[in-house]
């Protein structure tokens, strides 16, 4: 659960000024922009979830928790991707990020359908998810498929033979 006294409830250990793990400046800037957007989505989701009625009054009691889980997953997996230079591993994290973002978007539709939460936050949250998606596309396009290791699960075209 979130500690309201914590200045960084999304605290993923990411230092946007530390570019030592990224191979080039372009990738660093795209990663930083995406991470900043993930942090904004986490903060906005937290504010939206606080506008929801008590869990006991919701038709789906765990909705707010699921939304927060997906929002925080974005930054956590982005932070993890900084430590992994290999294409297949970064793609795995990218898929998890995509699924979390899509889950969050679906949950906003659920909130709209159930008519719960502050509508102004809901619309803003959906707009921010779209901005995140566009930044995500640019970020993934810079992955280097030639920098890879064998993937014993056979994903992304480089499996054990």
N, C-alpha and C. Protein backbone atom coordinates (compact mmCIF):
# COMPACT_ATOMS: atom_id res chain seq x y z
N UNK A 1 0.85 -1.19 0.00
CA UNK A 1 0.00 0.00 0.00
C UNK A 1 0.89 1.24 0.00
N UNK A 2 0.36 2.33 -0.40
CA UNK A 2 1.11 3.58 -0.54
C UNK A 2 1.22 4.27 0.81
N UNK A 3 2.39 4.77 1.10
CA UNK A 3 2.63 5.55 2.31
C UNK A 3 2.47 7.02 1.93
N UNK A 4 1.42 7.68 2.47
CA UNK A 4 1.15 9.07 2.10
C UNK A 4 2.27 10.01 2.49
N UNK A 5 3.12 9.62 3.42
CA UNK A 5 4.21 10.49 3.85
C UNK A 5 5.44 10.34 2.96
N UNK A 6 5.45 9.33 2.12
CA UNK A 6 6.58 9.08 1.23
C UNK A 6 6.51 10.06 0.06
N UNK A 7 7.57 10.80 -0.19
CA UNK A 7 7.59 11.76 -1.29
C UNK A 7 7.50 11.08 -2.64
N UNK A 8 7.96 9.84 -2.73
CA UNK A 8 7.97 9.12 -3.99
C UNK A 8 7.27 7.78 -3.82
N UNK A 9 5.92 7.74 -3.88
CA UNK A 9 5.23 6.47 -3.68
C UNK A 9 5.57 5.46 -4.76
N UNK A 10 6.09 5.92 -5.90
CA UNK A 10 6.45 5.05 -7.00
C UNK A 10 7.92 4.68 -6.95
N UNK A 11 8.67 5.09 -5.90
CA UNK A 11 10.12 4.97 -5.77
C UNK A 11 10.75 3.75 -6.39
N UNK A 12 11.12 3.83 -7.65
CA UNK A 12 11.68 2.70 -8.37
C UNK A 12 13.20 2.68 -8.36
N UNK A 13 13.82 3.60 -7.65
CA UNK A 13 15.27 3.63 -7.63
C UNK A 13 15.87 4.12 -8.93
N UNK A 14 15.13 4.84 -9.71
CA UNK A 14 15.61 5.36 -10.99
C UNK A 14 16.16 6.76 -10.79
N UNK A 15 17.37 6.96 -11.22
CA UNK A 15 17.97 8.29 -11.16
C UNK A 15 18.07 8.80 -12.60
N UNK A 16 17.18 9.74 -12.98
CA UNK A 16 17.19 10.18 -14.37
C UNK A 16 18.49 10.85 -14.80
N UNK A 17 19.34 11.23 -13.86
CA UNK A 17 20.61 11.86 -14.21
C UNK A 17 21.74 10.85 -14.37
N UNK A 18 21.47 9.58 -14.07
CA UNK A 18 22.50 8.55 -14.19
C UNK A 18 22.33 7.85 -15.54
N UNK A 19 23.18 8.19 -16.49
CA UNK A 19 23.07 7.60 -17.82
C UNK A 19 24.12 6.52 -18.06
N UNK A 20 24.75 6.02 -17.01
CA UNK A 20 25.84 5.06 -17.18
C UNK A 20 25.40 3.75 -17.81
N UNK A 21 24.13 3.35 -17.61
CA UNK A 21 23.68 2.06 -18.10
C UNK A 21 23.16 2.10 -19.53
N UNK A 22 22.97 3.28 -20.08
CA UNK A 22 22.39 3.35 -21.40
C UNK A 22 23.47 3.63 -22.44
N UNK A 23 23.40 2.94 -23.58
CA UNK A 23 24.48 3.00 -24.55
C UNK A 23 24.60 4.31 -25.32
N UNK A 24 23.53 5.07 -25.45
CA UNK A 24 23.66 6.30 -26.21
C UNK A 24 22.69 7.36 -25.69
N UNK A 25 22.98 8.58 -26.05
CA UNK A 25 22.21 9.73 -25.54
C UNK A 25 20.76 9.72 -26.04
N UNK A 26 20.53 9.31 -27.28
CA UNK A 26 19.17 9.28 -27.82
C UNK A 26 18.31 8.30 -27.01
N UNK A 27 18.85 7.12 -26.79
CA UNK A 27 18.09 6.13 -26.00
C UNK A 27 17.87 6.65 -24.59
N UNK A 28 18.87 7.27 -24.02
CA UNK A 28 18.74 7.81 -22.67
C UNK A 28 17.60 8.83 -22.59
N UNK A 29 17.55 9.74 -23.55
CA UNK A 29 16.51 10.77 -23.54
C UNK A 29 15.12 10.16 -23.72
N UNK A 30 15.00 9.16 -24.59
CA UNK A 30 13.71 8.50 -24.77
C UNK A 30 13.31 7.75 -23.50
N UNK A 31 14.27 7.09 -22.88
CA UNK A 31 13.99 6.36 -21.64
C UNK A 31 13.57 7.34 -20.55
N UNK A 32 14.26 8.45 -20.44
CA UNK A 32 13.95 9.44 -19.41
C UNK A 32 12.55 10.02 -19.62
N UNK A 33 12.18 10.34 -20.85
CA UNK A 33 10.85 10.88 -21.15
C UNK A 33 9.78 9.84 -20.82
N UNK A 34 10.02 8.60 -21.18
CA UNK A 34 9.06 7.53 -20.89
C UNK A 34 8.93 7.31 -19.39
N UNK A 35 10.06 7.31 -18.70
CA UNK A 35 10.01 7.11 -17.25
C UNK A 35 9.29 8.27 -16.56
N UNK A 36 9.54 9.49 -17.01
CA UNK A 36 8.85 10.65 -16.45
C UNK A 36 7.35 10.51 -16.66
N UNK A 37 6.94 10.07 -17.84
CA UNK A 37 5.51 9.87 -18.11
C UNK A 37 4.95 8.75 -17.24
N UNK A 38 5.72 7.70 -17.01
CA UNK A 38 5.26 6.61 -16.13
C UNK A 38 5.05 7.13 -14.71
N UNK A 39 5.95 7.97 -14.26
CA UNK A 39 5.82 8.55 -12.93
C UNK A 39 4.58 9.44 -12.84
N UNK A 40 4.34 10.22 -13.89
CA UNK A 40 3.14 11.06 -13.93
C UNK A 40 1.87 10.20 -13.91
N UNK A 41 1.89 9.09 -14.65
CA UNK A 41 0.75 8.18 -14.65
C UNK A 41 0.53 7.56 -13.27
N UNK A 42 1.60 7.22 -12.60
CA UNK A 42 1.47 6.68 -11.24
C UNK A 42 0.84 7.70 -10.30
N UNK A 43 1.31 8.91 -10.36
CA UNK A 43 0.76 9.97 -9.51
C UNK A 43 -0.70 10.25 -9.83
N UNK A 44 -1.01 10.32 -11.11
CA UNK A 44 -2.38 10.59 -11.53
C UNK A 44 -3.31 9.44 -11.15
N UNK A 45 -2.83 8.21 -11.33
CA UNK A 45 -3.65 7.05 -10.96
C UNK A 45 -3.91 7.06 -9.46
N UNK A 46 -2.91 7.39 -8.69
CA UNK A 46 -3.07 7.46 -7.24
C UNK A 46 -4.14 8.50 -6.88
N UNK A 47 -4.08 9.67 -7.51
CA UNK A 47 -5.08 10.71 -7.25
C UNK A 47 -6.47 10.23 -7.67
N UNK A 48 -6.56 9.56 -8.81
CA UNK A 48 -7.86 9.05 -9.26
C UNK A 48 -8.40 8.01 -8.29
N UNK A 49 -7.56 7.07 -7.88
CA UNK A 49 -8.00 6.02 -6.97
C UNK A 49 -8.50 6.61 -5.65
N UNK A 50 -7.87 7.69 -5.20
CA UNK A 50 -8.34 8.35 -3.98
C UNK A 50 -9.74 8.95 -4.17
N UNK A 51 -10.15 9.20 -5.42
CA UNK A 51 -11.48 9.74 -5.68
C UNK A 51 -12.55 8.65 -5.74
N UNK A 52 -12.13 7.39 -5.75
CA UNK A 52 -13.09 6.29 -5.80
C UNK A 52 -13.80 6.15 -4.46
N UNK A 53 -15.03 5.63 -4.47
CA UNK A 53 -15.70 5.35 -3.20
C UNK A 53 -14.95 4.25 -2.43
N UNK A 54 -15.28 4.08 -1.18
CA UNK A 54 -14.68 3.00 -0.39
C UNK A 54 -14.86 1.67 -1.11
N UNK A 55 -13.89 0.76 -0.90
CA UNK A 55 -13.95 -0.54 -1.57
C UNK A 55 -15.28 -1.25 -1.35
N UNK A 56 -15.83 -1.13 -0.14
CA UNK A 56 -17.10 -1.80 0.17
C UNK A 56 -18.25 -1.27 -0.67
N UNK A 57 -18.12 -0.04 -1.17
CA UNK A 57 -19.19 0.58 -1.95
C UNK A 57 -19.01 0.40 -3.46
N UNK A 58 -17.91 -0.20 -3.86
CA UNK A 58 -17.64 -0.42 -5.29
C UNK A 58 -18.20 -1.76 -5.75
N UNK A 59 -18.75 -1.82 -6.97
CA UNK A 59 -19.18 -3.11 -7.50
C UNK A 59 -18.00 -4.07 -7.71
N UNK A 60 -16.80 -3.50 -7.90
CA UNK A 60 -15.58 -4.30 -8.05
C UNK A 60 -14.61 -3.82 -6.97
N UNK A 61 -14.62 -4.45 -5.80
CA UNK A 61 -13.87 -3.92 -4.65
C UNK A 61 -12.37 -3.75 -4.87
N UNK A 62 -11.75 -4.51 -5.74
CA UNK A 62 -10.30 -4.44 -5.90
C UNK A 62 -9.88 -3.53 -7.05
N UNK A 63 -10.80 -2.81 -7.64
CA UNK A 63 -10.52 -2.01 -8.84
C UNK A 63 -9.40 -1.00 -8.61
N UNK A 64 -9.46 -0.24 -7.54
CA UNK A 64 -8.42 0.75 -7.26
C UNK A 64 -7.05 0.13 -7.09
N UNK A 65 -7.00 -0.98 -6.38
CA UNK A 65 -5.73 -1.68 -6.18
C UNK A 65 -5.14 -2.19 -7.48
N UNK A 66 -5.99 -2.71 -8.34
CA UNK A 66 -5.52 -3.19 -9.64
C UNK A 66 -4.99 -2.05 -10.49
N UNK A 67 -5.67 -0.92 -10.42
CA UNK A 67 -5.22 0.24 -11.19
C UNK A 67 -3.84 0.70 -10.70
N UNK A 68 -3.66 0.75 -9.39
CA UNK A 68 -2.37 1.16 -8.84
C UNK A 68 -1.28 0.15 -9.20
N UNK A 69 -1.61 -1.13 -9.14
CA UNK A 69 -0.63 -2.16 -9.49
C UNK A 69 -0.14 -1.98 -10.93
N UNK A 70 -1.06 -1.75 -11.84
CA UNK A 70 -0.67 -1.55 -13.24
C UNK A 70 0.12 -0.26 -13.42
N UNK A 71 -0.31 0.80 -12.78
CA UNK A 71 0.40 2.08 -12.91
C UNK A 71 1.83 1.97 -12.38
N UNK A 72 2.01 1.34 -11.24
CA UNK A 72 3.35 1.22 -10.66
C UNK A 72 4.22 0.24 -11.42
N UNK A 73 3.59 -0.71 -12.10
CA UNK A 73 4.34 -1.67 -12.90
C UNK A 73 5.10 -0.97 -14.03
N UNK A 74 4.52 0.09 -14.59
CA UNK A 74 5.15 0.80 -15.70
C UNK A 74 6.55 1.27 -15.33
N UNK A 75 6.65 2.01 -14.26
CA UNK A 75 7.95 2.54 -13.84
C UNK A 75 8.90 1.47 -13.35
N UNK A 76 8.36 0.48 -12.66
CA UNK A 76 9.21 -0.59 -12.13
C UNK A 76 9.89 -1.36 -13.26
N UNK A 77 9.13 -1.71 -14.27
CA UNK A 77 9.72 -2.46 -15.39
C UNK A 77 10.63 -1.59 -16.24
N UNK A 78 10.32 -0.31 -16.35
CA UNK A 78 11.22 0.61 -17.06
C UNK A 78 12.55 0.71 -16.32
N UNK A 79 12.49 0.81 -15.00
CA UNK A 79 13.72 0.88 -14.21
C UNK A 79 14.54 -0.40 -14.39
N UNK A 80 13.87 -1.53 -14.40
CA UNK A 80 14.57 -2.80 -14.59
C UNK A 80 15.24 -2.87 -15.96
N UNK A 81 14.61 -2.28 -16.96
CA UNK A 81 15.16 -2.35 -18.32
C UNK A 81 16.50 -1.62 -18.44
N UNK A 82 16.76 -0.68 -17.55
CA UNK A 82 18.04 0.04 -17.60
C UNK A 82 19.22 -0.87 -17.32
N UNK A 83 18.98 -1.91 -16.54
CA UNK A 83 20.08 -2.80 -16.15
C UNK A 83 20.28 -3.94 -17.14
N UNK A 84 19.45 -4.03 -18.16
CA UNK A 84 19.49 -5.16 -19.08
C UNK A 84 19.75 -4.66 -20.49
N UNK A 85 20.92 -4.96 -21.04
CA UNK A 85 21.22 -4.48 -22.39
C UNK A 85 20.72 -5.41 -23.50
N UNK A 86 20.30 -6.61 -23.15
CA UNK A 86 20.00 -7.62 -24.16
C UNK A 86 18.60 -7.48 -24.73
N UNK A 87 18.52 -7.56 -26.04
CA UNK A 87 17.28 -7.34 -26.78
C UNK A 87 16.12 -8.19 -26.26
N UNK A 88 16.31 -9.50 -26.18
CA UNK A 88 15.20 -10.37 -25.79
C UNK A 88 14.71 -10.07 -24.39
N UNK A 89 15.59 -9.75 -23.47
CA UNK A 89 15.18 -9.44 -22.10
C UNK A 89 14.46 -8.09 -22.05
N UNK A 90 14.94 -7.13 -22.81
CA UNK A 90 14.27 -5.82 -22.85
C UNK A 90 12.89 -5.94 -23.50
N UNK A 91 12.78 -6.80 -24.52
CA UNK A 91 11.48 -7.02 -25.14
C UNK A 91 10.50 -7.66 -24.16
N UNK A 92 10.99 -8.59 -23.34
CA UNK A 92 10.13 -9.19 -22.32
C UNK A 92 9.58 -8.12 -21.39
N UNK A 93 10.43 -7.22 -20.95
CA UNK A 93 9.99 -6.14 -20.07
C UNK A 93 9.04 -5.20 -20.81
N UNK A 94 9.32 -4.95 -22.09
CA UNK A 94 8.45 -4.09 -22.88
C UNK A 94 7.04 -4.69 -22.99
N UNK A 95 6.95 -5.99 -23.16
CA UNK A 95 5.64 -6.65 -23.22
C UNK A 95 4.90 -6.48 -21.89
N UNK A 96 5.60 -6.64 -20.78
CA UNK A 96 4.96 -6.46 -19.47
C UNK A 96 4.49 -5.01 -19.28
N UNK A 97 5.29 -4.07 -19.75
CA UNK A 97 4.90 -2.65 -19.66
C UNK A 97 3.65 -2.41 -20.50
N UNK A 98 3.64 -2.94 -21.71
CA UNK A 98 2.47 -2.78 -22.59
C UNK A 98 1.22 -3.37 -21.95
N UNK A 99 1.34 -4.56 -21.38
CA UNK A 99 0.19 -5.21 -20.75
C UNK A 99 -0.33 -4.39 -19.56
N UNK A 100 0.59 -3.83 -18.78
CA UNK A 100 0.17 -3.01 -17.63
C UNK A 100 -0.54 -1.75 -18.10
N UNK A 101 -0.02 -1.12 -19.14
CA UNK A 101 -0.66 0.10 -19.67
C UNK A 101 -2.04 -0.22 -20.25
N UNK A 102 -2.13 -1.32 -20.99
CA UNK A 102 -3.44 -1.71 -21.54
C UNK A 102 -4.42 -2.09 -20.42
N UNK A 103 -3.91 -2.74 -19.37
CA UNK A 103 -4.76 -3.07 -18.23
C UNK A 103 -5.29 -1.82 -17.56
N UNK A 104 -4.43 -0.84 -17.39
CA UNK A 104 -4.85 0.42 -16.78
C UNK A 104 -5.89 1.12 -17.65
N UNK A 105 -5.69 1.10 -18.96
CA UNK A 105 -6.66 1.71 -19.87
C UNK A 105 -8.01 0.99 -19.77
N UNK A 106 -7.99 -0.33 -19.73
CA UNK A 106 -9.23 -1.10 -19.58
C UNK A 106 -9.92 -0.77 -18.26
N UNK A 107 -9.15 -0.61 -17.21
CA UNK A 107 -9.73 -0.28 -15.91
C UNK A 107 -10.36 1.11 -15.91
N UNK A 108 -9.81 2.03 -16.71
CA UNK A 108 -10.45 3.35 -16.81
C UNK A 108 -11.80 3.21 -17.52
N UNK A 109 -11.88 2.31 -18.49
CA UNK A 109 -13.17 2.06 -19.15
C UNK A 109 -14.17 1.47 -18.16
N UNK A 110 -13.69 0.59 -17.31
CA UNK A 110 -14.56 0.00 -16.28
C UNK A 110 -15.09 1.09 -15.35
N UNK A 111 -14.22 1.99 -14.94
CA UNK A 111 -14.64 3.09 -14.07
C UNK A 111 -15.68 3.96 -14.76
N UNK A 112 -15.47 4.22 -16.03
CA UNK A 112 -16.43 5.04 -16.78
C UNK A 112 -17.77 4.33 -16.86
N UNK A 113 -17.73 3.03 -17.14
CA UNK A 113 -18.96 2.25 -17.24
C UNK A 113 -19.70 2.21 -15.90
N UNK A 114 -18.95 2.06 -14.81
CA UNK A 114 -19.56 1.99 -13.48
C UNK A 114 -19.90 3.37 -12.92
N UNK A 115 -19.43 4.42 -13.63
CA UNK A 115 -19.63 5.80 -13.21
C UNK A 115 -19.09 6.05 -11.80
N UNK A 116 -17.82 5.65 -11.61
CA UNK A 116 -17.15 5.86 -10.33
C UNK A 116 -15.88 6.67 -10.54
N UNK A 117 -15.50 7.42 -9.55
CA UNK A 117 -14.29 8.23 -9.61
C UNK A 117 -14.55 9.59 -10.24
N UNK A 118 -13.59 10.47 -10.07
CA UNK A 118 -13.70 11.82 -10.60
C UNK A 118 -13.54 11.80 -12.12
N UNK A 119 -14.57 12.21 -12.87
CA UNK A 119 -14.50 12.14 -14.34
C UNK A 119 -13.35 12.95 -14.93
N UNK A 120 -12.99 14.09 -14.30
CA UNK A 120 -11.90 14.90 -14.84
C UNK A 120 -10.57 14.16 -14.75
N UNK A 121 -10.36 13.40 -13.67
CA UNK A 121 -9.15 12.58 -13.56
C UNK A 121 -9.17 11.45 -14.57
N UNK A 122 -10.34 10.86 -14.75
CA UNK A 122 -10.47 9.73 -15.66
C UNK A 122 -10.09 10.10 -17.08
N UNK A 123 -10.61 11.22 -17.56
CA UNK A 123 -10.29 11.67 -18.92
C UNK A 123 -8.80 12.01 -19.05
N UNK A 124 -8.27 12.69 -18.05
CA UNK A 124 -6.85 13.03 -18.06
C UNK A 124 -5.98 11.77 -18.04
N UNK A 125 -6.37 10.81 -17.24
CA UNK A 125 -5.62 9.56 -17.15
C UNK A 125 -5.59 8.85 -18.50
N UNK A 126 -6.70 8.80 -19.18
CA UNK A 126 -6.76 8.16 -20.49
C UNK A 126 -5.87 8.90 -21.51
N UNK A 127 -5.86 10.21 -21.45
CA UNK A 127 -5.02 11.02 -22.35
C UNK A 127 -3.53 10.77 -22.05
N UNK A 128 -3.18 10.67 -20.78
CA UNK A 128 -1.78 10.42 -20.39
C UNK A 128 -1.32 9.02 -20.81
N UNK A 129 -2.22 8.05 -20.74
CA UNK A 129 -1.88 6.70 -21.19
C UNK A 129 -1.56 6.72 -22.69
N UNK A 130 -2.31 7.48 -23.44
CA UNK A 130 -2.05 7.59 -24.89
C UNK A 130 -0.69 8.25 -25.13
N UNK A 131 -0.35 9.28 -24.38
CA UNK A 131 0.96 9.91 -24.52
C UNK A 131 2.07 8.92 -24.15
N UNK A 132 1.84 8.14 -23.11
CA UNK A 132 2.81 7.10 -22.71
C UNK A 132 3.00 6.11 -23.85
N UNK A 133 1.91 5.70 -24.49
CA UNK A 133 1.98 4.73 -25.57
C UNK A 133 2.86 5.24 -26.72
N UNK A 134 2.71 6.49 -27.06
CA UNK A 134 3.50 7.06 -28.15
C UNK A 134 4.99 7.13 -27.78
N UNK A 135 5.29 7.50 -26.55
CA UNK A 135 6.69 7.50 -26.09
C UNK A 135 7.25 6.09 -26.06
N UNK A 136 6.43 5.15 -25.66
CA UNK A 136 6.82 3.74 -25.58
C UNK A 136 7.23 3.22 -26.96
N UNK A 137 6.44 3.54 -27.97
CA UNK A 137 6.75 3.09 -29.33
C UNK A 137 8.13 3.59 -29.76
N UNK A 138 8.42 4.85 -29.51
CA UNK A 138 9.72 5.41 -29.88
C UNK A 138 10.84 4.74 -29.10
N UNK A 139 10.60 4.45 -27.84
CA UNK A 139 11.62 3.82 -26.97
C UNK A 139 11.95 2.41 -27.47
N UNK A 140 10.94 1.61 -27.76
CA UNK A 140 11.16 0.23 -28.18
C UNK A 140 11.87 0.17 -29.53
N UNK A 141 11.62 1.13 -30.40
CA UNK A 141 12.25 1.13 -31.71
C UNK A 141 13.77 1.27 -31.62
N UNK A 142 14.28 1.75 -30.50
CA UNK A 142 15.73 1.90 -30.34
C UNK A 142 16.40 0.66 -29.75
N UNK A 143 15.65 -0.39 -29.46
CA UNK A 143 16.28 -1.61 -28.96
C UNK A 143 17.17 -2.19 -30.06
N UNK A 144 18.30 -2.69 -29.68
CA UNK A 144 19.27 -3.23 -30.65
C UNK A 144 19.14 -4.75 -30.71
N UNK A 145 18.52 -5.30 -31.75
CA UNK A 145 18.34 -6.75 -31.84
C UNK A 145 19.64 -7.51 -32.03
N UNK A 146 20.72 -6.83 -32.39
CA UNK A 146 22.00 -7.52 -32.55
C UNK A 146 22.71 -7.71 -31.20
N UNK A 147 22.28 -7.01 -30.18
CA UNK A 147 22.85 -7.16 -28.84
C UNK A 147 21.93 -8.07 -28.04
N UNK A 148 22.18 -9.36 -28.14
CA UNK A 148 21.28 -10.32 -27.51
C UNK A 148 22.04 -11.52 -26.98
N UNK A 149 21.36 -12.29 -26.18
CA UNK A 149 21.87 -13.56 -25.70
C UNK A 149 20.84 -14.62 -26.03
N UNK A 150 21.23 -15.87 -25.93
CA UNK A 150 20.31 -16.95 -26.21
C UNK A 150 19.15 -16.91 -25.23
N UNK A 151 17.94 -17.06 -25.76
CA UNK A 151 16.74 -17.12 -24.94
C UNK A 151 16.25 -18.56 -24.93
N UNK A 152 16.44 -19.23 -23.83
CA UNK A 152 16.09 -20.65 -23.75
C UNK A 152 14.59 -20.91 -23.86
N UNK A 153 13.78 -19.85 -23.86
CA UNK A 153 12.33 -20.01 -24.02
C UNK A 153 11.90 -19.81 -25.47
N UNK A 154 12.80 -19.34 -26.33
CA UNK A 154 12.50 -19.22 -27.75
C UNK A 154 11.69 -18.01 -28.15
N UNK A 155 11.63 -17.02 -27.31
CA UNK A 155 10.89 -15.80 -27.65
C UNK A 155 11.75 -14.86 -28.50
N UNK A 156 11.10 -14.03 -29.27
CA UNK A 156 11.74 -12.96 -30.02
C UNK A 156 12.82 -13.47 -30.97
N UNK A 157 12.65 -14.69 -31.47
CA UNK A 157 13.48 -15.20 -32.56
C UNK A 157 14.85 -15.71 -32.19
N UNK A 158 15.18 -15.87 -30.92
CA UNK A 158 16.54 -16.31 -30.57
C UNK A 158 16.48 -17.42 -29.51
N UNK A 159 15.87 -18.51 -29.84
CA UNK A 159 15.74 -19.59 -28.88
C UNK A 159 16.87 -20.59 -28.95
N UNK A 160 16.93 -21.44 -27.93
CA UNK A 160 17.91 -22.52 -27.91
C UNK A 160 17.53 -23.54 -28.98
N UNK A 161 18.52 -24.09 -29.62
CA UNK A 161 18.24 -25.02 -30.70
C UNK A 161 18.79 -26.37 -30.41
